[in-house]
Amino acid sequence: MKPRRWLIPLVVVAALTLTALAYRHPAVMIQLSEQLWACFG
């Protein structure tokens, strides 16, 4: 089954929107960086 032409751009726009919203909340970025650091620590 072939994906519809609008599905891929919609997913890309949704991902970019969620990323932009995450950057508006510094606590989210701090939590993500702490989780990433914990993987290697």
N, C-alpha and C. Protein backbone atom coordinates (compact mmCIF):
# COMPACT_ATOMS: atom_id res chain seq x y z
N MET A 1 0.84 -1.18 0.00
CA MET A 1 0.00 0.00 0.00
C MET A 1 0.88 1.25 0.00
N LYS A 2 0.66 2.12 -0.94
CA LYS A 2 1.48 3.32 -1.11
C LYS A 2 0.97 4.45 -0.20
N PRO A 3 1.89 5.09 0.56
CA PRO A 3 1.42 6.18 1.41
C PRO A 3 0.91 7.35 0.58
N ARG A 4 -0.04 8.04 1.13
CA ARG A 4 -0.58 9.18 0.38
C ARG A 4 0.44 10.30 0.34
N ARG A 5 0.32 11.15 -0.65
CA ARG A 5 1.32 12.20 -0.86
C ARG A 5 1.35 13.21 0.26
N TRP A 6 0.27 13.41 0.96
CA TRP A 6 0.21 14.41 2.02
C TRP A 6 0.68 13.88 3.36
N LEU A 7 0.85 12.58 3.48
CA LEU A 7 1.18 11.99 4.76
C LEU A 7 2.61 12.35 5.21
N ILE A 8 3.58 12.24 4.33
CA ILE A 8 4.97 12.53 4.70
C ILE A 8 5.16 14.00 5.07
N PRO A 9 4.69 14.95 4.28
CA PRO A 9 4.83 16.35 4.70
C PRO A 9 4.10 16.65 6.02
N LEU A 10 2.97 16.01 6.24
CA LEU A 10 2.24 16.21 7.49
C LEU A 10 3.05 15.73 8.68
N VAL A 11 3.70 14.58 8.55
CA VAL A 11 4.54 14.05 9.62
C VAL A 11 5.73 14.98 9.87
N VAL A 12 6.33 15.48 8.83
CA VAL A 12 7.48 16.39 8.96
C VAL A 12 7.06 17.69 9.66
N VAL A 13 5.95 18.26 9.26
CA VAL A 13 5.48 19.49 9.88
C VAL A 13 5.13 19.25 11.34
N ALA A 14 4.51 18.12 11.65
CA ALA A 14 4.18 17.80 13.04
C ALA A 14 5.44 17.66 13.89
N ALA A 15 6.46 17.00 13.36
CA ALA A 15 7.70 16.83 14.10
C ALA A 15 8.39 18.17 14.35
N LEU A 16 8.42 19.02 13.34
CA LEU A 16 9.03 20.34 13.51
C LEU A 16 8.25 21.21 14.50
N THR A 17 6.93 21.11 14.47
CA THR A 17 6.11 21.87 15.40
C THR A 17 6.35 21.42 16.83
N LEU A 18 6.39 20.11 17.04
CA LEU A 18 6.64 19.60 18.39
C LEU A 18 8.03 19.98 18.88
N THR A 19 9.01 19.99 17.99
CA THR A 19 10.36 20.41 18.37
C THR A 19 10.38 21.88 18.77
N ALA A 20 9.71 22.71 18.00
CA ALA A 20 9.67 24.14 18.32
C ALA A 20 8.96 24.38 19.65
N LEU A 21 7.89 23.64 19.90
CA LEU A 21 7.18 23.80 21.17
C LEU A 21 8.04 23.32 22.34
N ALA A 22 8.83 22.28 22.13
CA ALA A 22 9.69 21.78 23.20
C ALA A 22 10.77 22.80 23.55
N TYR A 23 11.27 23.52 22.57
CA TYR A 23 12.30 24.53 22.84
C TYR A 23 11.75 25.72 23.61
N ARG A 24 10.44 25.91 23.61
CA ARG A 24 9.85 27.01 24.36
C ARG A 24 9.84 26.74 25.85
N HIS A 25 10.01 25.48 26.25
CA HIS A 25 10.01 25.10 27.66
C HIS A 25 11.39 24.58 28.04
N PRO A 26 12.21 25.40 28.67
CA PRO A 26 13.58 24.99 29.00
C PRO A 26 13.63 23.76 29.89
N ALA A 27 12.63 23.55 30.74
CA ALA A 27 12.64 22.38 31.63
C ALA A 27 12.61 21.09 30.83
N VAL A 28 11.93 21.10 29.70
CA VAL A 28 11.87 19.91 28.85
C VAL A 28 13.25 19.60 28.29
N MET A 29 13.94 20.63 27.83
CA MET A 29 15.26 20.42 27.26
C MET A 29 16.26 19.96 28.33
N ILE A 30 16.14 20.49 29.53
CA ILE A 30 17.03 20.06 30.62
C ILE A 30 16.77 18.61 30.96
N GLN A 31 15.51 18.22 31.02
CA GLN A 31 15.17 16.83 31.34
C GLN A 31 15.69 15.89 30.26
N LEU A 32 15.52 16.27 29.00
CA LEU A 32 16.02 15.41 27.92
C LEU A 32 17.54 15.29 27.95
N SER A 33 18.22 16.38 28.24
CA SER A 33 19.68 16.32 28.30
C SER A 33 20.13 15.48 29.47
N GLU A 34 19.45 15.55 30.61
CA GLU A 34 19.80 14.72 31.76
C GLU A 34 19.57 13.24 31.47
N GLN A 35 18.49 12.93 30.76
CA GLN A 35 18.22 11.53 30.40
C GLN A 35 19.28 11.01 29.43
N LEU A 36 19.67 11.85 28.50
CA LEU A 36 20.70 11.45 27.54
C LEU A 36 22.03 11.25 28.26
N TRP A 37 22.37 12.14 29.18
CA TRP A 37 23.61 12.04 29.94
C TRP A 37 23.61 10.77 30.79
N ALA A 38 22.46 10.40 31.34
CA ALA A 38 22.35 9.21 32.18
C ALA A 38 22.62 7.93 31.37
N CYS A 39 22.36 7.95 30.10
CA CYS A 39 22.63 6.77 29.26
C CYS A 39 24.12 6.49 29.18
N PHE A 40 24.93 7.54 29.18
CA PHE A 40 26.38 7.37 29.01
C PHE A 40 27.15 7.48 30.32
N GLY A 41 26.46 7.82 31.40
CA GLY A 41 27.13 8.06 32.66
C GLY A 41 27.33 6.87 33.53
